[in-house]
Amino acid sequence: MKYERLGKSGLKVSRIGVGCMSFGSSAWRPWVLEEDAARPLFVRAIEAGINFFDTADMYSNGASEVVTGRLLKELARREELVIATKVNFPMSADAEAPNMGSLSRKHILQACDASLKRLGVDTIDLYQIHRFDPDVPVDETLEALHDLVRAGKVRYLGGSSGSAWRMARALSISEQHGWARFISMQNHYNLLYREEEREMIPLCLDAGVGLVPWSPLGRGLLTRPRPADGHVKGPGTARSLSDTYSPTLYGAPSDWLVVDVVERVAAARGLPMAQVALAWLLSRPGVVAPIIGATRMAHLDDAIAGVAVTLTAAECASLEAPYVAHGVKGHEV
């Protein structure tokens, strides 16, 4: 496995991270793997040298953090790991309750303590805001996050999808006050969605913020040929059949043209489509560690193999050629 510093920080992460939304409780989503089913995937990831595991408190209403923490404690050395989680959105049962969501000081502090307990760790390596919160003053959010770093409960801070101007403002305010600043941006970025190249990615490159994109394979669309009926849900996996979010992100006619090119490049190279799509993303400036969602061993194996794939300039150009501008997508959950 290859490793790279996350932005201009000293933190080193594997070139792919494991997205732990896939693990927790099947009562939350039918495709989520319970602990025993998840264990072989954690074993494979750790054996391959992956040290970066990303979850969020809202995934499986906290069960993802519990499963992630238990399996990592059982299978890996804590000192080598980078455990990331996120804060903002309330758990399902608390959706209407006051102070059980948002990026207020109160919620951030209480949510961090709860995440530490569920993960079974003393410190969270990378604590990320789960989108920006326009209803809370950003200086309140940033000072609370800084206080967690100073208290030793959090080591580094990160952001997640949002407007570049919000990210620029957050970085500026942190610098003005001498507060801990974001070292990473977990944004929506793949061959099907490249709007981040306009503003967010240039900002992050200039500010030394590392990219850890979510949905690197377009929620599976970049891993298989287009279905005969052109339907975004594809062949009917457990996740695709219950996924109401993917159709809001993908499925425009131009998206299928990109899928077709990935299929052709993959066939010419004798590689799975997933490896080609991931190799392209890993070649992009600023991209450190795409977050891979895996519910089958083949998903993880393809991602691990994709780290070693190098595309030619001509192949990259052909993969990029069919793309057309999109509306902004992925700033919400």
C-alpha atoms as a PDB file:
ATOM      1  CA  MET A   1       0.000   0.000   0.000  1.00  0.00           C
ATOM      2  CA  LYS A   2       1.103   3.542  -0.714  1.00  0.00           C
ATOM      3  CA  TYR A   3       0.749   6.346   1.834  1.00  0.00           C
ATOM      4  CA  GLU A   4       0.555  10.106   1.470  1.00  0.00           C
ATOM      5  CA  ARG A   5       0.412  13.107   3.767  1.00  0.00           C
ATOM      6  CA  LEU A   6      -3.056  14.549   4.163  1.00  0.00           C
ATOM      7  CA  GLY A   7      -2.740  18.066   2.809  1.00  0.00           C
ATOM      8  CA  LYS A   8       0.153  19.947   4.336  1.00  0.00           C
ATOM      9  CA  SER A   9      -0.280  18.201   7.683  1.00  0.00           C
ATOM     10  CA  GLY A  10       2.087  15.525   8.935  1.00  0.00           C
ATOM     11  CA  LEU A  11      -0.668  12.899   9.028  1.00  0.00           C
ATOM     12  CA  LYS A  12      -0.079   9.965   6.661  1.00  0.00           C
ATOM     13  CA  VAL A  13      -2.994   7.966   5.284  1.00  0.00           C
ATOM     14  CA  SER A  14      -3.257   5.045   2.882  1.00  0.00           C
ATOM     15  CA  ARG A  15      -4.106   5.987  -0.696  1.00  0.00           C
ATOM     16  CA  ILE A  16      -7.618   4.670  -0.191  1.00  0.00           C
ATOM     17  CA  GLY A  17      -9.807   4.864   2.871  1.00  0.00           C
ATOM     18  CA  VAL A  18     -12.548   2.455   3.906  1.00  0.00           C
ATOM     19  CA  GLY A  19     -15.966   4.073   4.130  1.00  0.00           C
ATOM     20  CA  CYS A  20     -17.661   2.562   7.149  1.00  0.00           C
ATOM     21  CA  MET A  21     -21.208   3.614   6.290  1.00  0.00           C
ATOM     22  CA  SER A  22     -21.360   0.056   4.907  1.00  0.00           C
ATOM     23  CA  PHE A  23     -21.007  -1.407   8.406  1.00  0.00           C
ATOM     24  CA  GLY A  24     -23.321  -1.201  11.394  1.00  0.00           C
ATOM     25  CA  SER A  25     -26.976  -2.205  11.471  1.00  0.00           C
ATOM     26  CA  SER A  26     -29.067  -3.592   8.615  1.00  0.00           C
ATOM     27  CA  ALA A  27     -32.094  -2.125  10.376  1.00  0.00           C
ATOM     28  CA  TRP A  28     -30.817   1.297   9.243  1.00  0.00           C
ATOM     29  CA  ARG A  29     -30.265   0.293   5.597  1.00  0.00           C
ATOM     30  CA  PRO A  30     -30.835  -3.249   4.256  1.00  0.00           C
ATOM     31  CA  TRP A  31     -27.432  -3.384   2.544  1.00  0.00           C
ATOM     32  CA  VAL A  32     -25.425  -2.514   5.669  1.00  0.00           C
ATOM     33  CA  LEU A  33     -23.281  -5.358   7.022  1.00  0.00           C
ATOM     34  CA  GLU A  34     -23.532  -6.394  10.654  1.00  0.00           C
ATOM     35  CA  GLU A  35     -20.333  -6.907  12.649  1.00  0.00           C
ATOM     36  CA  ASP A  36     -19.673 -10.566  11.819  1.00  0.00           C
ATOM     37  CA  ALA A  37     -20.236 -10.003   8.098  1.00  0.00           C
ATOM     38  CA  ALA A  38     -18.034  -6.900   8.179  1.00  0.00           C
ATOM     39  CA  ARG A  39     -15.083  -8.595   9.906  1.00  0.00           C
ATOM     40  CA  PRO A  40     -13.572 -10.253   6.771  1.00  0.00           C
ATOM     41  CA  LEU A  41     -13.539  -6.901   4.961  1.00  0.00           C
ATOM     42  CA  PHE A  42     -11.694  -5.261   7.854  1.00  0.00           C
ATOM     43  CA  VAL A  43      -9.219  -8.150   7.905  1.00  0.00           C
ATOM     44  CA  ARG A  44      -8.563  -7.762   4.177  1.00  0.00           C
ATOM     45  CA  ALA A  45      -8.191  -3.984   4.416  1.00  0.00           C
ATOM     46  CA  ILE A  46      -5.718  -4.157   7.290  1.00  0.00           C
ATOM     47  CA  GLU A  47      -3.715  -6.945   5.658  1.00  0.00           C
ATOM     48  CA  ALA A  48      -3.473  -4.774   2.524  1.00  0.00           C
ATOM     49  CA  GLY A  49      -2.047  -1.908   4.562  1.00  0.00           C
ATOM     50  CA  ILE A  50      -5.089   0.366   4.640  1.00  0.00           C
ATOM     51  CA  ASN A  51      -4.900   2.519   7.763  1.00  0.00           C
ATOM     52  CA  PHE A  52      -7.667   5.065   7.068  1.00  0.00           C
ATOM     53  CA  PHE A  53     -11.237   4.314   8.188  1.00  0.00           C
ATOM     54  CA  ASP A  54     -14.013   6.871   7.847  1.00  0.00           C
ATOM     55  CA  THR A  55     -17.418   6.829   9.524  1.00  0.00           C
ATOM     56  CA  ALA A  56     -19.988   9.264  10.974  1.00  0.00           C
ATOM     57  CA  ASP A  57     -22.130   9.354  14.079  1.00  0.00           C
ATOM     58  CA  MET A  58     -25.354   9.282  12.043  1.00  0.00           C
ATOM     59  CA  TYR A  59     -24.441   6.106  10.111  1.00  0.00           C
ATOM     60  CA  SER A  60     -26.626   3.280  11.423  1.00  0.00           C
ATOM     61  CA  ASN A  61     -27.611   5.675  14.226  1.00  0.00           C
ATOM     62  CA  GLY A  62     -24.256   5.200  15.922  1.00  0.00           C
ATOM     63  CA  ALA A  63     -23.861   1.472  15.266  1.00  0.00           C
ATOM     64  CA  SER A  64     -21.295   2.114  12.512  1.00  0.00           C
ATOM     65  CA  GLU A  65     -18.980   3.754  15.025  1.00  0.00           C
ATOM     66  CA  VAL A  66     -19.478   0.871  17.455  1.00  0.00           C
ATOM     67  CA  VAL A  67     -18.708  -1.816  14.854  1.00  0.00           C
ATOM     68  CA  THR A  68     -15.791   0.144  13.401  1.00  0.00           C
ATOM     69  CA  GLY A  69     -14.246   0.728  16.799  1.00  0.00           C
ATOM     70  CA  ARG A  70     -14.614  -2.863  17.961  1.00  0.00           C
ATOM     71  CA  LEU A  71     -13.211  -4.438  14.806  1.00  0.00           C
ATOM     72  CA  LEU A  72     -10.265  -2.058  14.596  1.00  0.00           C
ATOM     73  CA  LYS A  73      -9.426  -2.689  18.259  1.00  0.00           C
ATOM     74  CA  GLU A  74      -9.558  -6.437  17.607  1.00  0.00           C
ATOM     75  CA  LEU A  75      -7.603  -6.483  14.359  1.00  0.00           C
ATOM     76  CA  ALA A  76      -5.164  -3.560  14.170  1.00  0.00           C
ATOM     77  CA  ARG A  77      -2.646  -1.461  16.077  1.00  0.00           C
ATOM     78  CA  ARG A  78      -4.314   1.759  17.186  1.00  0.00           C
ATOM     79  CA  GLU A  79      -1.096   3.748  16.773  1.00  0.00           C
ATOM     80  CA  GLU A  80      -1.002   3.034  13.027  1.00  0.00           C
ATOM     81  CA  LEU A  81      -4.643   3.837  12.339  1.00  0.00           C
ATOM     82  CA  VAL A  82      -6.338   7.016  11.233  1.00  0.00           C
ATOM     83  CA  ILE A  83      -9.904   6.876  12.519  1.00  0.00           C
ATOM     84  CA  ALA A  84     -12.204   9.540  11.119  1.00  0.00           C
ATOM     85  CA  THR A  85     -15.778  10.386  11.991  1.00  0.00           C
ATOM     86  CA  LYS A  86     -18.200  13.248  11.376  1.00  0.00           C
ATOM     87  CA  VAL A  87     -20.580  15.527  13.233  1.00  0.00           C
ATOM     88  CA  ASN A  88     -23.656  17.556  12.303  1.00  0.00           C
ATOM     89  CA  PHE A  89     -26.736  15.533  11.502  1.00  0.00           C
ATOM     90  CA  PRO A  90     -28.914  14.047  14.250  1.00  0.00           C
ATOM     91  CA  MET A  91     -29.585  10.365  14.560  1.00  0.00           C
ATOM     92  CA  SER A  92     -32.978   9.337  13.245  1.00  0.00           C
ATOM     93  CA  ALA A  93     -34.706   9.153  16.628  1.00  0.00           C
ATOM     94  CA  ASP A  94     -33.455  12.640  17.521  1.00  0.00           C
ATOM     95  CA  ALA A  95     -34.298  14.364  14.243  1.00  0.00           C
ATOM     96  CA  GLU A  96     -36.906  16.681  15.763  1.00  0.00           C
ATOM     97  CA  ALA A  97     -35.303  17.137  19.188  1.00  0.00           C
ATOM     98  CA  PRO A  98     -33.554  20.421  20.055  1.00  0.00           C
ATOM     99  CA  ASN A  99     -29.743  20.439  20.306  1.00  0.00           C
ATOM    100  CA  MET A 100     -29.420  16.904  18.896  1.00  0.00           C
ATOM    101  CA  GLY A 101     -28.010  18.055  15.564  1.00  0.00           C
ATOM    102  CA  SER A 102     -26.259  21.059  13.960  1.00  0.00           C
ATOM    103  CA  LEU A 103     -22.774  22.521  14.303  1.00  0.00           C
ATOM    104  CA  SER A 104     -23.510  24.460  17.462  1.00  0.00           C
ATOM    105  CA  ARG A 105     -20.964  24.399  20.256  1.00  0.00           C
ATOM    106  CA  LYS A 106     -23.308  22.372  22.437  1.00  0.00           C
ATOM    107  CA  HIS A 107     -23.955  19.701  19.854  1.00  0.00           C
ATOM    108  CA  ILE A 108     -20.337  19.432  18.706  1.00  0.00           C
ATOM    109  CA  LEU A 109     -19.017  18.922  22.240  1.00  0.00           C
ATOM    110  CA  GLN A 110     -21.649  16.401  23.269  1.00  0.00           C
ATOM    111  CA  ALA A 111     -21.474  14.560  19.923  1.00  0.00           C
ATOM    112  CA  CYS A 112     -17.697  14.228  20.157  1.00  0.00           C
ATOM    113  CA  ASP A 113     -17.935  12.665  23.614  1.00  0.00           C
ATOM    114  CA  ALA A 114     -20.574  10.235  22.341  1.00  0.00           C
ATOM    115  CA  SER A 115     -18.460   9.285  19.305  1.00  0.00           C
ATOM    116  CA  LEU A 116     -15.397   8.668  21.477  1.00  0.00           C
ATOM    117  CA  LYS A 117     -17.438   6.331  23.657  1.00  0.00           C
ATOM    118  CA  ARG A 118     -18.934   4.414  20.727  1.00  0.00           C
ATOM    119  CA  LEU A 119     -15.570   4.088  18.966  1.00  0.00           C
ATOM    120  CA  GLY A 120     -13.868   3.032  22.196  1.00  0.00           C
ATOM    121  CA  VAL A 121     -10.947   5.418  21.718  1.00  0.00           C
ATOM    122  CA  ASP A 122      -9.458   8.313  23.669  1.00  0.00           C
ATOM    123  CA  THR A 123      -8.895  10.503  20.618  1.00  0.00           C
ATOM    124  CA  ILE A 124     -10.459  10.861  17.160  1.00  0.00           C
ATOM    125  CA  ASP A 125      -7.736  11.258  14.544  1.00  0.00           C
ATOM    126  CA  LEU A 126      -9.796  13.236  12.020  1.00  0.00           C
ATOM    127  CA  TYR A 127     -13.031  14.942  13.114  1.00  0.00           C
ATOM    128  CA  GLN A 128     -15.014  16.286  10.172  1.00  0.00           C
ATOM    129  CA  ILE A 129     -18.018  18.547   9.936  1.00  0.00           C
ATOM    130  CA  HIS A 130     -20.698  16.631   8.011  1.00  0.00           C
ATOM    131  CA  ARG A 131     -21.496  19.485   5.593  1.00  0.00           C
ATOM    132  CA  PHE A 132     -21.589  23.143   6.630  1.00  0.00           C
ATOM    133  CA  ASP A 133     -24.373  24.500   8.836  1.00  0.00           C
ATOM    134  CA  PRO A 134     -25.701  27.868   7.607  1.00  0.00           C
ATOM    135  CA  ASP A 135     -27.797  28.302  10.761  1.00  0.00           C
ATOM    136  CA  VAL A 136     -24.835  28.471  13.166  1.00  0.00           C
ATOM    137  CA  PRO A 137     -22.152  31.204  13.149  1.00  0.00           C
ATOM    138  CA  VAL A 138     -19.049  29.631  11.659  1.00  0.00           C
ATOM    139  CA  ASP A 139     -16.805  31.095  14.373  1.00  0.00           C
ATOM    140  CA  GLU A 140     -18.864  29.263  17.012  1.00  0.00           C
ATOM    141  CA  THR A 141     -18.331  25.990  15.146  1.00  0.00           C
ATOM    142  CA  LEU A 142     -14.632  26.550  14.569  1.00  0.00           C
ATOM    143  CA  GLU A 143     -13.866  27.586  18.146  1.00  0.00           C
ATOM    144  CA  ALA A 144     -15.651  24.499  19.487  1.00  0.00           C
ATOM    145  CA  LEU A 145     -13.648  22.274  17.135  1.00  0.00           C
ATOM    146  CA  HIS A 146     -10.419  24.032  18.149  1.00  0.00           C
ATOM    147  CA  ASP A 147     -11.238  23.443  21.820  1.00  0.00           C
ATOM    148  CA  LEU A 148     -11.610  19.711  21.126  1.00  0.00           C
ATOM    149  CA  VAL A 149      -8.140  19.670  19.572  1.00  0.00           C
ATOM    150  CA  ARG A 150      -6.647  21.551  22.515  1.00  0.00           C
ATOM    151  CA  ALA A 151      -8.389  19.161  24.928  1.00  0.00           C
ATOM    152  CA  GLY A 152      -6.777  16.171  23.187  1.00  0.00           C
ATOM    153  CA  LYS A 153     -10.094  14.647  22.132  1.00  0.00           C
ATOM    154  CA  VAL A 154      -9.401  15.314  18.437  1.00  0.00           C
ATOM    155  CA  ARG A 155      -6.101  15.407  16.538  1.00  0.00           C
ATOM    156  CA  TYR A 156      -7.056  16.943  13.187  1.00  0.00           C
ATOM    157  CA  LEU A 157     -10.089  18.626  11.627  1.00  0.00           C
ATOM    158  CA  GLY A 158     -11.733  18.216   8.245  1.00  0.00           C
ATOM    159  CA  GLY A 159     -14.620  19.521   6.176  1.00  0.00           C
ATOM    160  CA  SER A 160     -17.165  17.885   3.916  1.00  0.00           C
ATOM    161  CA  SER A 161     -19.004  19.017   0.794  1.00  0.00           C
ATOM    162  CA  GLY A 162     -20.106  22.617   0.538  1.00  0.00           C
ATOM    163  CA  SER A 163     -19.482  25.881  -1.229  1.00  0.00           C
ATOM    164  CA  ALA A 164     -15.891  26.944  -1.752  1.00  0.00           C
ATOM    165  CA  TRP A 165     -16.640  30.363  -0.252  1.00  0.00           C
ATOM    166  CA  ARG A 166     -17.729  28.710   3.010  1.00  0.00           C
ATOM    167  CA  MET A 167     -14.537  26.656   3.097  1.00  0.00           C
ATOM    168  CA  ALA A 168     -12.400  29.726   2.339  1.00  0.00           C
ATOM    169  CA  ARG A 169     -14.136  31.676   5.092  1.00  0.00           C
ATOM    170  CA  ALA A 170     -13.626  28.865   7.598  1.00  0.00           C
ATOM    171  CA  LEU A 171      -9.917  28.608   6.787  1.00  0.00           C
ATOM    172  CA  SER A 172      -9.521  32.371   7.056  1.00  0.00           C
ATOM    173  CA  ILE A 173     -11.277  32.628  10.424  1.00  0.00           C
ATOM    174  CA  SER A 174      -9.224  29.768  11.858  1.00  0.00           C
ATOM    175  CA  GLU A 175      -6.019  31.438  10.741  1.00  0.00           C
ATOM    176  CA  GLN A 176      -7.074  34.835  12.118  1.00  0.00           C
ATOM    177  CA  HIS A 177      -7.679  33.358  15.578  1.00  0.00           C
ATOM    178  CA  GLY A 178      -4.808  30.877  15.588  1.00  0.00           C
ATOM    179  CA  TRP A 179      -7.277  27.992  15.795  1.00  0.00           C
ATOM    180  CA  ALA A 180      -6.741  24.487  14.428  1.00  0.00           C
ATOM    181  CA  ARG A 181      -7.722  24.528  10.752  1.00  0.00           C
ATOM    182  CA  PHE A 182      -9.195  22.004   8.351  1.00  0.00           C
ATOM    183  CA  ILE A 183      -6.554  19.746   6.809  1.00  0.00           C
ATOM    184  CA  SER A 184      -8.954  17.800   4.590  1.00  0.00           C
ATOM    185  CA  MET A 185     -12.045  18.146   2.432  1.00  0.00           C
ATOM    186  CA  GLN A 186     -14.296  15.128   1.866  1.00  0.00           C
ATOM    187  CA  ASN A 187     -16.084  16.227  -1.265  1.00  0.00           C
ATOM    188  CA  HIS A 188     -18.188  14.728  -4.039  1.00  0.00           C
ATOM    189  CA  TYR A 189     -15.759  13.999  -6.878  1.00  0.00           C
ATOM    190  CA  ASN A 190     -15.524  11.341  -9.585  1.00  0.00           C
ATOM    191  CA  LEU A 191     -15.612  10.985 -13.372  1.00  0.00           C
ATOM    192  CA  LEU A 192     -19.366  11.607 -13.366  1.00  0.00           C
ATOM    193  CA  TYR A 193     -19.209  14.720 -11.184  1.00  0.00           C
ATOM    194  CA  ARG A 194     -16.314  17.136 -11.670  1.00  0.00           C
ATOM    195  CA  GLU A 195     -17.840  20.476 -10.661  1.00  0.00           C
ATOM    196  CA  GLU A 196     -15.422  20.550  -7.713  1.00  0.00           C
ATOM    197  CA  GLU A 197     -12.645  21.301 -10.220  1.00  0.00           C
ATOM    198  CA  ARG A 198     -14.041  24.808 -10.690  1.00  0.00           C
ATOM    199  CA  GLU A 199     -13.566  26.304  -7.207  1.00  0.00           C
ATOM    200  CA  MET A 200     -13.227  23.881  -4.289  1.00  0.00           C
ATOM    201  CA  ILE A 201     -10.251  21.904  -5.576  1.00  0.00           C
ATOM    202  CA  PRO A 202      -8.186  24.964  -6.617  1.00  0.00           C
ATOM    203  CA  LEU A 203      -8.899  26.432  -3.177  1.00  0.00           C
ATOM    204  CA  CYS A 204      -7.774  23.255  -1.426  1.00  0.00           C
ATOM    205  CA  LEU A 205      -4.623  23.011  -3.538  1.00  0.00           C
ATOM    206  CA  ASP A 206      -3.717  26.602  -2.692  1.00  0.00           C
ATOM    207  CA  ALA A 207      -4.484  26.163   1.028  1.00  0.00           C
ATOM    208  CA  GLY A 208      -2.766  22.789   1.428  1.00  0.00           C
ATOM    209  CA  VAL A 209      -5.988  20.906   2.168  1.00  0.00           C
ATOM    210  CA  GLY A 210      -6.019  17.235   1.135  1.00  0.00           C
ATOM    211  CA  LEU A 211      -8.956  15.718  -0.753  1.00  0.00           C
ATOM    212  CA  VAL A 212     -10.620  12.495   0.430  1.00  0.00           C
ATOM    213  CA  PRO A 213     -13.525  12.259  -2.038  1.00  0.00           C
ATOM    214  CA  TRP A 214     -16.734  10.380  -1.332  1.00  0.00           C
ATOM    215  CA  SER A 215     -18.559   8.403  -4.030  1.00  0.00           C
ATOM    216  CA  PRO A 216     -15.337   7.857  -6.022  1.00  0.00           C
ATOM    217  CA  LEU A 217     -17.060   5.260  -8.209  1.00  0.00           C
ATOM    218  CA  GLY A 218     -20.339   7.097  -8.673  1.00  0.00           C
ATOM    219  CA  ARG A 219     -22.151   4.797  -6.245  1.00  0.00           C
ATOM    220  CA  GLY A 220     -21.372   1.843  -8.497  1.00  0.00           C
ATOM    221  CA  LEU A 221     -22.264   3.345 -11.870  1.00  0.00           C
ATOM    222  CA  LEU A 222     -18.605   3.510 -12.902  1.00  0.00           C
ATOM    223  CA  THR A 223     -18.032  -0.161 -12.083  1.00  0.00           C
ATOM    224  CA  ARG A 224     -20.244  -1.798 -14.721  1.00  0.00           C
ATOM    225  CA  PRO A 225     -21.538  -1.150 -18.254  1.00  0.00           C
ATOM    226  CA  ARG A 226     -24.661   0.906 -18.638  1.00  0.00           C
ATOM    227  CA  PRO A 227     -27.836  -1.168 -18.155  1.00  0.00           C
ATOM    228  CA  ALA A 228     -29.891  -1.863 -21.237  1.00  0.00           C
ATOM    229  CA  ASP A 229     -32.731   0.365 -20.038  1.00  0.00           C
ATOM    230  CA  GLY A 230     -30.371   3.147 -18.926  1.00  0.00           C
ATOM    231  CA  HIS A 231     -31.815   3.030 -15.427  1.00  0.00           C
ATOM    232  CA  VAL A 232     -29.576   4.505 -12.752  1.00  0.00           C
ATOM    233  CA  LYS A 233     -30.161   1.612 -10.351  1.00  0.00           C
ATOM    234  CA  GLY A 234     -28.414  -0.820 -12.653  1.00  0.00           C
ATOM    235  CA  PRO A 235     -28.549  -4.582 -12.145  1.00  0.00           C
ATOM    236  CA  GLY A 236     -30.391  -4.591  -8.840  1.00  0.00           C
ATOM    237  CA  THR A 237     -27.912  -4.934  -5.983  1.00  0.00           C
ATOM    238  CA  ALA A 238     -29.253  -4.747  -2.435  1.00  0.00           C
ATOM    239  CA  ARG A 239     -27.959  -1.205  -2.141  1.00  0.00           C
ATOM    240  CA  SER A 240     -29.096   0.054  -5.529  1.00  0.00           C
ATOM    241  CA  LEU A 241     -32.630  -1.259  -5.061  1.00  0.00           C
ATOM    242  CA  SER A 242     -33.053   0.726  -1.833  1.00  0.00           C
ATOM    243  CA  ASP A 243     -30.949   3.767  -2.734  1.00  0.00           C
ATOM    244  CA  THR A 244     -33.115   6.852  -3.206  1.00  0.00           C
ATOM    245  CA  TYR A 245     -30.133   9.242  -3.212  1.00  0.00           C
ATOM    246  CA  SER A 246     -28.216   8.026  -6.289  1.00  0.00           C
ATOM    247  CA  PRO A 247     -30.945   9.087  -8.758  1.00  0.00           C
ATOM    248  CA  THR A 248     -30.581  12.656  -7.461  1.00  0.00           C
ATOM    249  CA  LEU A 249     -26.851  12.582  -8.255  1.00  0.00           C
ATOM    250  CA  TYR A 250     -26.496  10.555 -11.453  1.00  0.00           C
ATOM    251  CA  GLY A 251     -28.356   9.289 -14.485  1.00  0.00           C
ATOM    252  CA  ALA A 252     -28.213  12.184 -16.977  1.00  0.00           C
ATOM    253  CA  PRO A 253     -27.676  11.107 -20.606  1.00  0.00           C
ATOM    254  CA  SER A 254     -24.119  12.473 -20.559  1.00  0.00           C
ATOM    255  CA  ASP A 255     -23.299  10.330 -17.529  1.00  0.00           C
ATOM    256  CA  TRP A 256     -23.792   7.176 -19.564  1.00  0.00           C
ATOM    257  CA  LEU A 257     -21.350   8.457 -22.187  1.00  0.00           C
ATOM    258  CA  VAL A 258     -18.710   8.637 -19.450  1.00  0.00           C
ATOM    259  CA  VAL A 259     -19.591   5.103 -18.310  1.00  0.00           C
ATOM    260  CA  ASP A 260     -19.201   3.893 -21.906  1.00  0.00           C
ATOM    261  CA  VAL A 261     -15.669   5.333 -22.135  1.00  0.00           C
ATOM    262  CA  VAL A 262     -14.673   3.770 -18.815  1.00  0.00           C
ATOM    263  CA  GLU A 263     -15.901   0.451 -20.184  1.00  0.00           C
ATOM    264  CA  ARG A 264     -13.826   0.840 -23.382  1.00  0.00           C
ATOM    265  CA  VAL A 265     -10.628   1.868 -21.583  1.00  0.00           C
ATOM    266  CA  ALA A 266     -11.041  -0.968 -19.092  1.00  0.00           C
ATOM    267  CA  ALA A 267     -11.588  -3.512 -21.859  1.00  0.00           C
ATOM    268  CA  ALA A 268      -8.509  -2.303 -23.736  1.00  0.00           C
ATOM    269  CA  ARG A 269      -6.397  -2.613 -20.587  1.00  0.00           C
ATOM    270  CA  GLY A 270      -7.946  -5.897 -19.474  1.00  0.00           C
ATOM    271  CA  LEU A 271      -8.969  -4.339 -16.151  1.00  0.00           C
ATOM    272  CA  PRO A 272     -12.218  -4.045 -14.203  1.00  0.00           C
ATOM    273  CA  MET A 273     -13.980  -0.733 -14.744  1.00  0.00           C
ATOM    274  CA  ALA A 274     -13.711   0.093 -11.053  1.00  0.00           C
ATOM    275  CA  GLN A 275      -9.916   0.050 -11.211  1.00  0.00           C
ATOM    276  CA  VAL A 276      -9.847   2.415 -14.179  1.00  0.00           C
ATOM    277  CA  ALA A 277     -12.267   4.897 -12.599  1.00  0.00           C
ATOM    278  CA  LEU A 278     -10.358   4.863  -9.329  1.00  0.00           C
ATOM    279  CA  ALA A 279      -6.967   5.175 -11.030  1.00  0.00           C
ATOM    280  CA  TRP A 280      -8.197   8.301 -12.823  1.00  0.00           C
ATOM    281  CA  LEU A 281      -9.335   9.853  -9.536  1.00  0.00           C
ATOM    282  CA  LEU A 282      -6.068   9.010  -7.775  1.00  0.00           C
ATOM    283  CA  SER A 283      -4.182  10.778 -10.563  1.00  0.00           C
ATOM    284  CA  ARG A 284      -6.001  14.062  -9.997  1.00  0.00           C
ATOM    285  CA  PRO A 285      -4.211  16.946  -8.229  1.00  0.00           C
ATOM    286  CA  GLY A 286      -4.840  17.102  -4.508  1.00  0.00           C
ATOM    287  CA  VAL A 287      -6.583  13.739  -4.233  1.00  0.00           C
ATOM    288  CA  VAL A 288      -5.053  11.835  -1.333  1.00  0.00           C
ATOM    289  CA  ALA A 289      -7.409   9.013  -0.368  1.00  0.00           C
ATOM    290  CA  PRO A 290     -10.807   8.386  -1.951  1.00  0.00           C
ATOM    291  CA  ILE A 291     -13.308   6.838   0.476  1.00  0.00           C
ATOM    292  CA  ILE A 292     -14.305   3.388  -0.776  1.00  0.00           C
ATOM    293  CA  GLY A 293     -17.635   1.842   0.159  1.00  0.00           C
ATOM    294  CA  ALA A 294     -17.459  -1.963   0.107  1.00  0.00           C
ATOM    295  CA  THR A 295     -20.046  -4.581   0.978  1.00  0.00           C
ATOM    296  CA  ARG A 296     -18.353  -7.401  -0.958  1.00  0.00           C
ATOM    297  CA  MET A 297     -14.758  -8.569  -0.959  1.00  0.00           C
ATOM    298  CA  ALA A 298     -14.540  -7.937  -4.702  1.00  0.00           C
ATOM    299  CA  HIS A 299     -15.290  -4.251  -4.111  1.00  0.00           C
ATOM    300  CA  LEU A 300     -12.359  -3.971  -1.740  1.00  0.00           C
ATOM    301  CA  ASP A 301     -10.032  -6.071  -3.897  1.00  0.00           C
ATOM    302  CA  ASP A 302     -10.698  -3.858  -6.927  1.00  0.00           C
ATOM    303  CA  ALA A 303      -9.991  -0.730  -4.893  1.00  0.00           C
ATOM    304  CA  ILE A 304      -6.732  -2.112  -3.523  1.00  0.00           C
ATOM    305  CA  ALA A 305      -5.600  -3.155  -7.011  1.00  0.00           C
ATOM    306  CA  GLY A 306      -6.650   0.206  -8.443  1.00  0.00           C
ATOM    307  CA  VAL A 307      -4.022   1.994  -6.350  1.00  0.00           C
ATOM    308  CA  ALA A 308      -1.316   0.386  -8.472  1.00  0.00           C
ATOM    309  CA  VAL A 309      -2.890   1.252 -11.855  1.00  0.00           C
ATOM    310  CA  THR A 310      -1.357   4.138 -13.830  1.00  0.00           C
ATOM    311  CA  LEU A 311      -3.261   5.551 -16.778  1.00  0.00           C
ATOM    312  CA  THR A 312      -1.659   7.244 -19.764  1.00  0.00           C
ATOM    313  CA  ALA A 313      -2.338  10.875 -20.594  1.00  0.00           C
ATOM    314  CA  ALA A 314      -4.301   9.743 -23.637  1.00  0.00           C
ATOM    315  CA  GLU A 315      -6.462   7.415 -21.550  1.00  0.00           C
ATOM    316  CA  CYS A 316      -7.179  10.192 -19.045  1.00  0.00           C
ATOM    317  CA  ALA A 317      -8.088  12.575 -21.858  1.00  0.00           C
ATOM    318  CA  SER A 318     -10.525  10.063 -23.345  1.00  0.00           C
ATOM    319  CA  LEU A 319     -12.130   9.451 -19.955  1.00  0.00           C
ATOM    320  CA  GLU A 320     -12.614  13.174 -19.403  1.00  0.00           C
ATOM    321  CA  ALA A 321     -13.838  14.085 -22.903  1.00  0.00           C
ATOM    322  CA  PRO A 322     -17.567  13.219 -22.590  1.00  0.00           C
ATOM    323  CA  TYR A 323     -18.110  15.244 -19.416  1.00  0.00           C
ATOM    324  CA  VAL A 324     -20.571  18.144 -19.491  1.00  0.00           C
ATOM    325  CA  ALA A 325     -21.316  20.687 -16.771  1.00  0.00           C
ATOM    326  CA  HIS A 326     -23.725  19.664 -14.014  1.00  0.00           C
ATOM    327  CA  GLY A 327     -25.719  21.487 -11.436  1.00  0.00           C
ATOM    328  CA  VAL A 328     -24.214  21.430  -7.948  1.00  0.00           C
ATOM    329  CA  LYS A 329     -24.950  18.088  -6.295  1.00  0.00           C
ATOM    330  CA  GLY A 330     -23.909  16.480  -3.048  1.00  0.00           C
ATOM    331  CA  HIS A 331     -23.830  19.465  -0.704  1.00  0.00           C
ATOM    332  CA  GLU A 332     -26.781  17.944   1.137  1.00  0.00           C
ATOM    333  CA  VAL A 333     -27.282  14.429   2.510  1.00  0.00           C
END
